[in-house]
C-alpha atoms as a PDB file:
ATOM      1  CA  MET A   1     137.093 155.431  76.628  1.00  0.00           C
ATOM      2  CA  ALA A   2     137.510 152.928  74.149  1.00  0.00           C
ATOM      3  CA  GLN A   3     135.547 149.578  74.686  1.00  0.00           C
ATOM      4  CA  PRO A   4     137.445 146.071  74.675  1.00  0.00           C
ATOM      5  CA  SER A   5     136.457 144.712  70.706  1.00  0.00           C
ATOM      6  CA  HIS A   6     137.716 141.125  72.006  1.00  0.00           C
ATOM      7  CA  PRO A   7     134.648 139.814  73.581  1.00  0.00           C
ATOM      8  CA  LEU A   8     137.001 137.595  76.155  1.00  0.00           C
ATOM      9  CA  ALA A   9     137.541 140.905  77.147  1.00  0.00           C
ATOM     10  CA  GLN A  10     134.224 141.935  78.548  1.00  0.00           C
ATOM     11  CA  PRO A  11     134.315 141.520  82.108  1.00  0.00           C
ATOM     12  CA  SER A  12     131.944 138.620  84.213  1.00  0.00           C
ATOM     13  CA  PRO A  13     128.239 140.554  85.320  1.00  0.00           C
ATOM     14  CA  ALA A  14     128.823 140.578  89.194  1.00  0.00           C
ATOM     15  CA  SER A  15     125.988 138.351  89.779  1.00  0.00           C
ATOM     16  CA  GLU A  16     128.101 135.227  88.166  1.00  0.00           C
ATOM     17  CA  PRO A  17     131.218 134.651  89.537  1.00  0.00           C
ATOM     18  CA  ARG A  18     132.883 132.333  87.624  1.00  0.00           C
ATOM     19  CA  PRO A  19     135.282 129.584  89.616  1.00  0.00           C
ATOM     20  CA  LEU A  20     139.051 129.776  88.705  1.00  0.00           C
ATOM     21  CA  ARG A  21     138.891 126.209  87.949  1.00  0.00           C
ATOM     22  CA  ALA A  22     136.411 123.468  87.821  1.00  0.00           C
ATOM     23  CA  PRO A  23     136.006 121.158  91.635  1.00  0.00           C
ATOM     24  CA  LEU A  24     138.036 117.901  91.336  1.00  0.00           C
ATOM     25  CA  ARG A  25     135.513 114.712  91.331  1.00  0.00           C
ATOM     26  CA  THR A  26     137.231 112.106  93.380  1.00  0.00           C
ATOM     27  CA  MET A  27     136.677 108.219  92.320  1.00  0.00           C
ATOM     28  CA  PRO A  28     135.494 106.059  94.881  1.00  0.00           C
ATOM     29  CA  LEU A  29     138.131 103.523  95.300  1.00  0.00           C
ATOM     30  CA  PRO A  30     137.273  99.708  94.438  1.00  0.00           C
ATOM     31  CA  ALA A  31     136.117  97.619  96.988  1.00  0.00           C
ATOM     32  CA  LEU A  32     138.874  94.550  97.666  1.00  0.00           C
ATOM     33  CA  GLY A  33     138.423  91.154  98.163  1.00  0.00           C
ATOM     34  CA  ALA A  34     136.149  90.158  95.056  1.00  0.00           C
ATOM     35  CA  ASP A  35     135.730  86.200  94.823  1.00  0.00           C
ATOM     36  CA  SER A  36     139.077  86.091  97.718  1.00  0.00           C
ATOM     37  CA  LEU A  37     139.216  83.848 100.768  1.00  0.00           C
ATOM     38  CA  ILE A  38     141.439  84.842 104.093  1.00  0.00           C
ATOM     39  CA  VAL A  39     142.704  82.289 105.943  1.00  0.00           C
ATOM     40  CA  VAL A  40     143.563  82.991 109.433  1.00  0.00           C
ATOM     41  CA  PRO A  41     144.501  79.974 112.246  1.00  0.00           C
ATOM     42  CA  THR A  42     143.433  80.271 115.569  1.00  0.00           C
ATOM     43  CA  TYR A  43     144.670  79.280 119.059  1.00  0.00           C
ATOM     44  CA  ASN A  44     143.673  81.353 121.916  1.00  0.00           C
ATOM     45  CA  GLU A  45     143.119  84.634 119.827  1.00  0.00           C
ATOM     46  CA  ARG A  46     139.727  84.723 121.679  1.00  0.00           C
ATOM     47  CA  SER A  47     140.977  88.600 122.643  1.00  0.00           C
ATOM     48  CA  ASN A  48     142.002  89.917 119.265  1.00  0.00           C
ATOM     49  CA  LEU A  49     139.225  88.523 116.734  1.00  0.00           C
ATOM     50  CA  GLU A  50     136.435  90.350 117.252  1.00  0.00           C
ATOM     51  CA  ALA A  51     138.459  93.299 115.774  1.00  0.00           C
ATOM     52  CA  LEU A  52     140.487  91.833 113.482  1.00  0.00           C
ATOM     53  CA  LEU A  53     137.413  90.502 111.784  1.00  0.00           C
ATOM     54  CA  ARG A  54     136.174  94.212 111.790  1.00  0.00           C
ATOM     55  CA  ALA A  55     139.163  95.721 110.368  1.00  0.00           C
ATOM     56  CA  VAL A  56     140.008  92.809 107.759  1.00  0.00           C
ATOM     57  CA  LEU A  57     136.297  93.255 106.443  1.00  0.00           C
ATOM     58  CA  GLU A  58     136.549  96.707 106.609  1.00  0.00           C
ATOM     59  CA  ALA A  59     139.704  96.524 104.324  1.00  0.00           C
ATOM     60  CA  ALA A  60     138.476  93.900 102.147  1.00  0.00           C
ATOM     61  CA  PRO A  61     135.061  94.453 102.525  1.00  0.00           C
ATOM     62  CA  LEU A  62     134.338  91.741  99.303  1.00  0.00           C
ATOM     63  CA  ALA A  63     136.522  89.380 100.465  1.00  0.00           C
ATOM     64  CA  HIS A  64     135.401  86.277 103.000  1.00  0.00           C
ATOM     65  CA  VAL A  65     137.211  85.176 105.957  1.00  0.00           C
ATOM     66  CA  LEU A  66     137.898  81.609 107.449  1.00  0.00           C
ATOM     67  CA  ILE A  67     138.764  81.205 110.988  1.00  0.00           C
ATOM     68  CA  VAL A  68     140.911  77.729 111.653  1.00  0.00           C
ATOM     69  CA  ASP A  69     140.388  77.354 114.741  1.00  0.00           C
ATOM     70  CA  ASP A  70     142.538  74.030 116.965  1.00  0.00           C
ATOM     71  CA  ALA A  71     139.749  73.708 119.807  1.00  0.00           C
ATOM     72  CA  SER A  72     141.000  77.381 121.712  1.00  0.00           C
ATOM     73  CA  PRO A  73     140.688  77.026 125.275  1.00  0.00           C
ATOM     74  CA  ASP A  74     139.812  80.261 125.555  1.00  0.00           C
ATOM     75  CA  GLY A  75     136.819  79.828 123.315  1.00  0.00           C
ATOM     76  CA  THR A  76     138.293  81.781 120.428  1.00  0.00           C
ATOM     77  CA  GLY A  77     136.096  78.607 118.123  1.00  0.00           C
ATOM     78  CA  GLU A  78     133.318  79.602 120.259  1.00  0.00           C
ATOM     79  CA  LEU A  79     133.395  83.626 119.186  1.00  0.00           C
ATOM     80  CA  ALA A  80     133.852  83.071 115.997  1.00  0.00           C
ATOM     81  CA  GLU A  81     130.787  80.932 115.419  1.00  0.00           C
ATOM     82  CA  ALA A  82     128.931  83.677 117.019  1.00  0.00           C
ATOM     83  CA  LEU A  83     130.514  86.380 114.403  1.00  0.00           C
ATOM     84  CA  ALA A  84     129.853  84.061 111.745  1.00  0.00           C
ATOM     85  CA  TRP A  85     125.931  83.817 112.666  1.00  0.00           C
ATOM     86  CA  GLN A  86     126.241  87.870 112.840  1.00  0.00           C
ATOM     87  CA  ASP A  87     128.062  88.194 109.079  1.00  0.00           C
ATOM     88  CA  SER A  88     127.563  85.504 106.498  1.00  0.00           C
ATOM     89  CA  ARG A  89     131.445  86.451 104.677  1.00  0.00           C
ATOM     90  CA  VAL A  90     132.629  84.665 108.477  1.00  0.00           C
ATOM     91  CA  HIS A  91     133.252  81.182 108.405  1.00  0.00           C
ATOM     92  CA  VAL A  92     134.736  78.725 111.038  1.00  0.00           C
ATOM     93  CA  LEU A  93     136.442  75.368 110.079  1.00  0.00           C
ATOM     94  CA  HIS A  94     137.088  73.545 113.932  1.00  0.00           C
ATOM     95  CA  ARG A  95     139.805  71.016 114.007  1.00  0.00           C
ATOM     96  CA  ALA A  96     140.285  68.675 117.232  1.00  0.00           C
ATOM     97  CA  GLY A  97     143.124  70.158 118.648  1.00  0.00           C
ATOM     98  CA  LYS A  98     146.246  71.948 118.118  1.00  0.00           C
ATOM     99  CA  GLN A  99     147.976  70.657 115.157  1.00  0.00           C
ATOM    100  CA  GLY A 100     150.426  73.579 113.849  1.00  0.00           C
ATOM    101  CA  LEU A 101     150.371  76.447 111.623  1.00  0.00           C
ATOM    102  CA  GLY A 102     151.012  75.014 108.378  1.00  0.00           C
ATOM    103  CA  THR A 103     148.689  72.141 108.414  1.00  0.00           C
ATOM    104  CA  ALA A 104     145.983  74.855 109.702  1.00  0.00           C
ATOM    105  CA  TYR A 105     147.081  76.875 106.693  1.00  0.00           C
ATOM    106  CA  VAL A 106     146.681  73.763 104.228  1.00  0.00           C
ATOM    107  CA  ALA A 107     143.437  72.474 105.665  1.00  0.00           C
ATOM    108  CA  GLY A 108     142.070  76.222 104.902  1.00  0.00           C
ATOM    109  CA  PHE A 109     143.721  76.280 101.182  1.00  0.00           C
ATOM    110  CA  ARG A 110     141.514  72.933 100.737  1.00  0.00           C
ATOM    111  CA  TRP A 111     138.428  74.569 102.257  1.00  0.00           C
ATOM    112  CA  GLY A 112     138.608  77.390  99.970  1.00  0.00           C
ATOM    113  CA  LEU A 113     139.942  75.301  96.839  1.00  0.00           C
ATOM    114  CA  ALA A 114     136.622  73.283  97.212  1.00  0.00           C
ATOM    115  CA  ARG A 115     134.353  76.260  96.855  1.00  0.00           C
ATOM    116  CA  SER A 116     134.880  79.150  93.906  1.00  0.00           C
ATOM    117  CA  PHE A 117     137.588  81.651  95.339  1.00  0.00           C
ATOM    118  CA  GLN A 118     139.659  82.739  93.010  1.00  0.00           C
ATOM    119  CA  ARG A 119     142.302  84.166  95.755  1.00  0.00           C
ATOM    120  CA  PHE A 120     143.633  83.176  98.750  1.00  0.00           C
ATOM    121  CA  LEU A 121     145.555  85.293 101.282  1.00  0.00           C
ATOM    122  CA  GLU A 122     147.030  84.224 104.956  1.00  0.00           C
ATOM    123  CA  MET A 123     147.940  86.423 108.001  1.00  0.00           C
ATOM    124  CA  ASP A 124     148.161  86.036 111.581  1.00  0.00           C
ATOM    125  CA  ALA A 125     145.209  86.614 114.085  1.00  0.00           C
ATOM    126  CA  ASP A 126     147.349  89.459 116.860  1.00  0.00           C
ATOM    127  CA  PHE A 127     147.311  92.156 114.486  1.00  0.00           C
ATOM    128  CA  SER A 128     151.056  91.527 113.852  1.00  0.00           C
ATOM    129  CA  HIS A 129     149.691  91.833 110.366  1.00  0.00           C
ATOM    130  CA  ASP A 130     148.438  95.005 109.575  1.00  0.00           C
ATOM    131  CA  PRO A 131     144.862  94.384 108.015  1.00  0.00           C
ATOM    132  CA  ALA A 132     144.911  98.130 106.325  1.00  0.00           C
ATOM    133  CA  GLN A 133     147.880  96.390 104.302  1.00  0.00           C
ATOM    134  CA  LEU A 134     146.232  93.633 102.450  1.00  0.00           C
ATOM    135  CA  SER A 135     145.619  96.708  99.435  1.00  0.00           C
ATOM    136  CA  ARG A 136     149.390  95.698  98.566  1.00  0.00           C
ATOM    137  CA  LEU A 137     149.064  92.332  98.409  1.00  0.00           C
ATOM    138  CA  PHE A 138     145.797  92.410  96.190  1.00  0.00           C
ATOM    139  CA  ALA A 139     147.996  95.135  94.463  1.00  0.00           C
ATOM    140  CA  GLY A 140     150.349  92.449  93.485  1.00  0.00           C
ATOM    141  CA  LEU A 141     147.835  90.147  92.570  1.00  0.00           C
ATOM    142  CA  ASP A 142     146.592  92.782  90.119  1.00  0.00           C
ATOM    143  CA  ALA A 143     149.749  93.091  88.893  1.00  0.00           C
ATOM    144  CA  GLY A 144     150.296  89.499  87.583  1.00  0.00           C
ATOM    145  CA  ALA A 145     152.109  87.932  90.506  1.00  0.00           C
ATOM    146  CA  GLU A 146     151.045  83.993  91.691  1.00  0.00           C
ATOM    147  CA  LEU A 147     152.614  84.783  94.526  1.00  0.00           C
ATOM    148  CA  VAL A 148     152.877  87.820  96.515  1.00  0.00           C
ATOM    149  CA  VAL A 149     155.117  88.288  99.436  1.00  0.00           C
ATOM    150  CA  GLY A 150     154.363  90.560 102.198  1.00  0.00           C
ATOM    151  CA  SER A 151     157.895  91.581 103.025  1.00  0.00           C
ATOM    152  CA  ARG A 152     159.416  93.226 106.161  1.00  0.00           C
ATOM    153  CA  ASN A 153     163.091  92.954 104.524  1.00  0.00           C
ATOM    154  CA  VAL A 154     162.489  94.926 101.496  1.00  0.00           C
ATOM    155  CA  PRO A 155     163.096  98.958 101.037  1.00  0.00           C
ATOM    156  CA  GLY A 156     159.679 100.283 102.928  1.00  0.00           C
ATOM    157  CA  GLY A 157     159.699  96.803 105.196  1.00  0.00           C
ATOM    158  CA  VAL A 158     159.177  98.062 109.034  1.00  0.00           C
ATOM    159  CA  ILE A 159     159.355  95.730 112.239  1.00  0.00           C
ATOM    160  CA  ALA A 160     158.257  97.281 115.367  1.00  0.00           C
ATOM    161  CA  GLY A 161     158.542  96.188 118.845  1.00  0.00           C
ATOM    162  CA  TRP A 162     161.201  93.700 118.738  1.00  0.00           C
ATOM    163  CA  GLY A 163     163.989  93.338 120.827  1.00  0.00           C
ATOM    164  CA  LEU A 164     167.687  93.005 119.177  1.00  0.00           C
ATOM    165  CA  GLY A 165     167.879  89.469 119.755  1.00  0.00           C
ATOM    166  CA  ARG A 166     164.203  88.980 118.269  1.00  0.00           C
ATOM    167  CA  LEU A 167     165.214  91.149 115.544  1.00  0.00           C
ATOM    168  CA  LEU A 168     168.861  89.593 114.473  1.00  0.00           C
ATOM    169  CA  LEU A 169     167.416  85.972 115.109  1.00  0.00           C
ATOM    170  CA  SER A 170     164.063  86.677 112.429  1.00  0.00           C
ATOM    171  CA  LYS A 171     166.903  88.784 109.792  1.00  0.00           C
ATOM    172  CA  GLY A 172     169.685  85.704 110.102  1.00  0.00           C
ATOM    173  CA  GLY A 173     166.780  83.289 109.678  1.00  0.00           C
ATOM    174  CA  SER A 174     166.012  84.343 106.452  1.00  0.00           C
ATOM    175  CA  ALA A 175     169.688  85.048 105.064  1.00  0.00           C
ATOM    176  CA  TYR A 176     170.294  81.531 106.128  1.00  0.00           C
ATOM    177  CA  SER A 177     167.258  79.920 104.251  1.00  0.00           C
ATOM    178  CA  ARG A 178     167.959  82.055 101.530  1.00  0.00           C
ATOM    179  CA  ALA A 179     171.528  80.995 101.246  1.00  0.00           C
ATOM    180  CA  VAL A 180     170.891  77.226 101.667  1.00  0.00           C
ATOM    181  CA  LEU A 181     168.235  77.077  99.247  1.00  0.00           C
ATOM    182  CA  GLY A 182     169.772  79.558  96.732  1.00  0.00           C
ATOM    183  CA  VAL A 183     167.035  82.135  96.242  1.00  0.00           C
ATOM    184  CA  PRO A 184     166.237  85.996  95.879  1.00  0.00           C
ATOM    185  CA  VAL A 185     163.248  86.308  98.128  1.00  0.00           C
ATOM    186  CA  ARG A 186     164.689  88.110 100.984  1.00  0.00           C
ATOM    187  CA  ASP A 187     161.732  87.229 103.457  1.00  0.00           C
ATOM    188  CA  LEU A 188     160.877  83.694 103.233  1.00  0.00           C
ATOM    189  CA  THR A 189     159.600  83.233 107.129  1.00  0.00           C
ATOM    190  CA  THR A 190     156.636  86.047 106.467  1.00  0.00           C
ATOM    191  CA  GLY A 191     153.331  84.864 106.925  1.00  0.00           C
ATOM    192  CA  TYR A 192     151.262  87.412 105.461  1.00  0.00           C
ATOM    193  CA  LYS A 193     150.664  86.011 101.860  1.00  0.00           C
ATOM    194  CA  ALA A 194     148.703  86.286  98.437  1.00  0.00           C
ATOM    195  CA  PHE A 195     148.088  82.803  96.119  1.00  0.00           C
ATOM    196  CA  THR A 196     146.492  83.070  93.197  1.00  0.00           C
ATOM    197  CA  ARG A 197     143.918  79.676  92.563  1.00  0.00           C
ATOM    198  CA  ARG A 198     146.542  78.466  90.227  1.00  0.00           C
ATOM    199  CA  ALA A 199     149.346  78.562  92.416  1.00  0.00           C
ATOM    200  CA  LEU A 200     147.901  76.359  94.918  1.00  0.00           C
ATOM    201  CA  GLU A 201     146.769  74.024  92.641  1.00  0.00           C
ATOM    202  CA  SER A 202     150.202  73.584  91.367  1.00  0.00           C
ATOM    203  CA  LEU A 203     152.123  73.256  94.905  1.00  0.00           C
ATOM    204  CA  GLN A 204     151.060  70.184  95.500  1.00  0.00           C
ATOM    205  CA  LEU A 205     149.743  70.680  98.679  1.00  0.00           C
ATOM    206  CA  ASP A 206     149.844  67.066  99.860  1.00  0.00           C
ATOM    207  CA  ALA A 207     153.452  66.887  99.394  1.00  0.00           C
ATOM    208  CA  VAL A 208     154.162  70.138 102.392  1.00  0.00           C
ATOM    209  CA  ARG A 209     155.336  68.418 105.034  1.00  0.00           C
ATOM    210  CA  SER A 210     156.487  71.541 106.919  1.00  0.00           C
ATOM    211  CA  ASN A 211     154.255  72.756 109.969  1.00  0.00           C
ATOM    212  CA  GLY A 212     155.846  75.575 111.894  1.00  0.00           C
ATOM    213  CA  TYR A 213     156.962  78.946 110.429  1.00  0.00           C
ATOM    214  CA  ALA A 214     159.033  76.362 108.241  1.00  0.00           C
ATOM    215  CA  PHE A 215     156.199  75.991 106.717  1.00  0.00           C
ATOM    216  CA  GLN A 216     156.495  79.511 105.216  1.00  0.00           C
ATOM    217  CA  ILE A 217     159.754  78.717 103.966  1.00  0.00           C
ATOM    218  CA  GLU A 218     158.440  75.648 101.984  1.00  0.00           C
ATOM    219  CA  MET A 219     155.519  77.266 100.322  1.00  0.00           C
ATOM    220  CA  THR A 220     157.634  80.274  98.652  1.00  0.00           C
ATOM    221  CA  PHE A 221     160.504  78.001  97.477  1.00  0.00           C
ATOM    222  CA  ARG A 222     158.088  75.295  96.144  1.00  0.00           C
ATOM    223  CA  ALA A 223     156.516  78.722  93.928  1.00  0.00           C
ATOM    224  CA  LEU A 224     159.582  79.272  93.074  1.00  0.00           C
ATOM    225  CA  ALA A 225     160.610  75.745  91.807  1.00  0.00           C
ATOM    226  CA  ALA A 226     157.620  75.727  90.423  1.00  0.00           C
ATOM    227  CA  GLY A 227     158.200  78.322  87.910  1.00  0.00           C
ATOM    228  CA  LEU A 228     155.459  80.391  88.942  1.00  0.00           C
ATOM    229  CA  ARG A 229     155.912  84.520  89.698  1.00  0.00           C
ATOM    230  CA  VAL A 230     156.737  85.656  93.011  1.00  0.00           C
ATOM    231  CA  VAL A 231     156.557  89.202  94.219  1.00  0.00           C
ATOM    232  CA  GLU A 232     157.493  91.251  97.177  1.00  0.00           C
ATOM    233  CA  VAL A 233     155.402  94.107  98.251  1.00  0.00           C
ATOM    234  CA  PRO A 234     156.920  95.867 101.811  1.00  0.00           C
ATOM    235  CA  ILE A 235     154.895  95.726 104.998  1.00  0.00           C
ATOM    236  CA  SER A 236     154.953  96.667 108.748  1.00  0.00           C
ATOM    237  CA  PHE A 237     154.894  93.652 110.913  1.00  0.00           C
ATOM    238  CA  VAL A 238     154.175  94.830 114.104  1.00  0.00           C
ATOM    239  CA  ASP A 239     154.919  92.667 117.567  1.00  0.00           C
ATOM    240  CA  ARG A 240     151.596  91.305 118.731  1.00  0.00           C
ATOM    241  CA  ARG A 241     149.699  93.522 120.911  1.00  0.00           C
ATOM    242  CA  VAL A 242     147.293  91.248 123.110  1.00  0.00           C
ATOM    243  CA  GLY A 243     148.425  87.545 123.869  1.00  0.00           C
ATOM    244  CA  GLN A 244     151.684  85.514 123.759  1.00  0.00           C
ATOM    245  CA  SER A 245     153.935  84.529 120.715  1.00  0.00           C
ATOM    246  CA  LYS A 246     153.399  80.789 119.480  1.00  0.00           C
ATOM    247  CA  MET A 247     157.463  80.509 118.224  1.00  0.00           C
ATOM    248  CA  ASP A 248     159.574  77.661 120.595  1.00  0.00           C
ATOM    249  CA  ARG A 249     162.794  75.891 120.375  1.00  0.00           C
ATOM    250  CA  GLY A 250     160.995  73.246 118.220  1.00  0.00           C
ATOM    251  CA  ILE A 251     159.991  75.616 115.593  1.00  0.00           C
ATOM    252  CA  PHE A 252     163.039  77.087 115.169  1.00  0.00           C
ATOM    253  CA  LEU A 253     164.668  74.085 114.847  1.00  0.00           C
ATOM    254  CA  GLU A 254     162.339  72.438 112.260  1.00  0.00           C
ATOM    255  CA  ALA A 255     163.140  75.684 110.490  1.00  0.00           C
ATOM    256  CA  ILE A 256     166.906  75.209 110.498  1.00  0.00           C
ATOM    257  CA  VAL A 257     166.297  70.932 109.182  1.00  0.00           C
ATOM    258  CA  VAL A 258     163.689  71.908 106.701  1.00  0.00           C
ATOM    259  CA  VAL A 259     165.566  74.099 104.764  1.00  0.00           C
ATOM    260  CA  TRP A 260     168.189  71.666 103.629  1.00  0.00           C
ATOM    261  CA  ARG A 261     165.419  68.788 103.048  1.00  0.00           C
ATOM    262  CA  LEU A 262     164.217  70.999 100.526  1.00  0.00           C
ATOM    263  CA  ARG A 263     167.433  71.908  98.936  1.00  0.00           C
ATOM    264  CA  PHE A 264     168.080  68.490  98.835  1.00  0.00           C
ATOM    265  CA  ASP A 265     164.856  67.052  97.122  1.00  0.00           C
ATOM    266  CA  ALA A 266     164.664  70.274  94.390  1.00  0.00           C
ATOM    267  CA  LEU A 267     168.192  68.838  93.767  1.00  0.00           C
ATOM    268  CA  CYS A 268     166.977  65.039  93.305  1.00  0.00           C
ATOM    269  CA  GLY A 269     163.784  66.174  91.517  1.00  0.00           C
ATOM    270  CA  ARG A 270     161.514  65.497  94.223  1.00  0.00           C
ATOM    271  CA  LEU A 271     159.683  68.751  95.088  1.00  0.00           C
END
């Protein structure tokens, strides 16, 4: 019987089996958070704090976290100090009393701007913002955005655990704010955001006057008015699993008034 003449037709020796294909080589994902500060305001969040810090630093191991505590009666500030002693990436800024969400973020941003951080993120302490989705905010910054808005109102965004009334209030509040201010951003009240250092330095933090959830509306509007590149990325927002919501009627009324003040200031060139 004639033997095959082409060398590729020779069978491989039984002792040297050849794999069908080369094994796939997986590359590890780059660690997130270099030059970044994540600001987390707290008031009575002791039951969430340790687990939150663990999850945040697992998601962004190169980041630093600043806890801004408003003298929480439940000992959140003391626990934060203990955790900071254990991990050099954790820092604590104590304030004399409950002074509001907006001023907490501004104080945290100022703390970071006085240091060498180049990226600033904000998030709630109650796990309504999933630490695993920090990568979406970092990806937006990597793509060139100066403000990344973690949005519940774009395709892929989710709100879970809210009743119909609160859902309508949130959606209606964003729609109302968009209509008054004439801006394209679909989620103006979200508190899951990322800023570049340049963005914060250009926003004139001294001029920010809102303190409750209206602070979120004001920061995004100021960024748009300053011509910064703002993008929305979808996030999953889950109602807090422990503790009580900080939302009250005063915060809601402030937001209604603030959008008209912002609109008037913009028309008068005072932003």
